[in-house]
Amino acid sequence: MTIQFQLNGEAMSLDVPEDTPLLWAIRDHAGLTGTKFGCGIGMCGACTVHLNGRATRSCITTVGSVDGQQITTIEGLGQDGEHPLQQAWVDAQAPQCGYCQSGQIMQAATLLQDFPNPTNEQINQIMSGNLCRCMAYVRIRKAIHLAAGSSESSSAGSPQFYEPGQEEMSNA
């Protein structure tokens, strides 16, 4: 079956089974590898893309369900990688291993559409479905506040570091 949709503003036509996960259409057929496979069951958020401007888990969304729709991946979020969230991620030094970051940024973009100046509680609630095995949540929250230009960016918390032999985390 031929599926047609917009991918990062460009027309895409794929001849694939309609039950193919959107994640694999993006990665294998479109060659865009910024969207990551994490769990395959929509629980971790690594595969988050925008479907008509809303955060969606691409590992559980079939290509058949996106026929005629608009899809945006991390590659299409900002012009030449210049989206304010991407710069805020750099400024806050949010990524550690980086694997989950594209999904985190895509979810954060939807968060900022809904809450232009989010509180820590709103960030924690909306971002809770995006997992980070490096535990960079404080940095991610700070990056979201930076992108929003929020006064809470200074109260988002300092990154916590663990030194071997210490019993507690310390602010560096």
Foldseek 3Di string as FASTA:
>chain_A
DWAWEAELNHIDIDDDPQQAQQLCCCCPVVVDPQQDDDPLPQQAQSRWKDKQLATDRRSRHTSNVNRHIYIYFLVNPDDVQPQLLSVLCVVLVQDDPCSSVRRLSSQLSNLCVVPLQDDLVSCCVSSVRHDDPVPSVLSSSLSSNVSSVYPCSVVSDADWDDDPPDPDTDHD
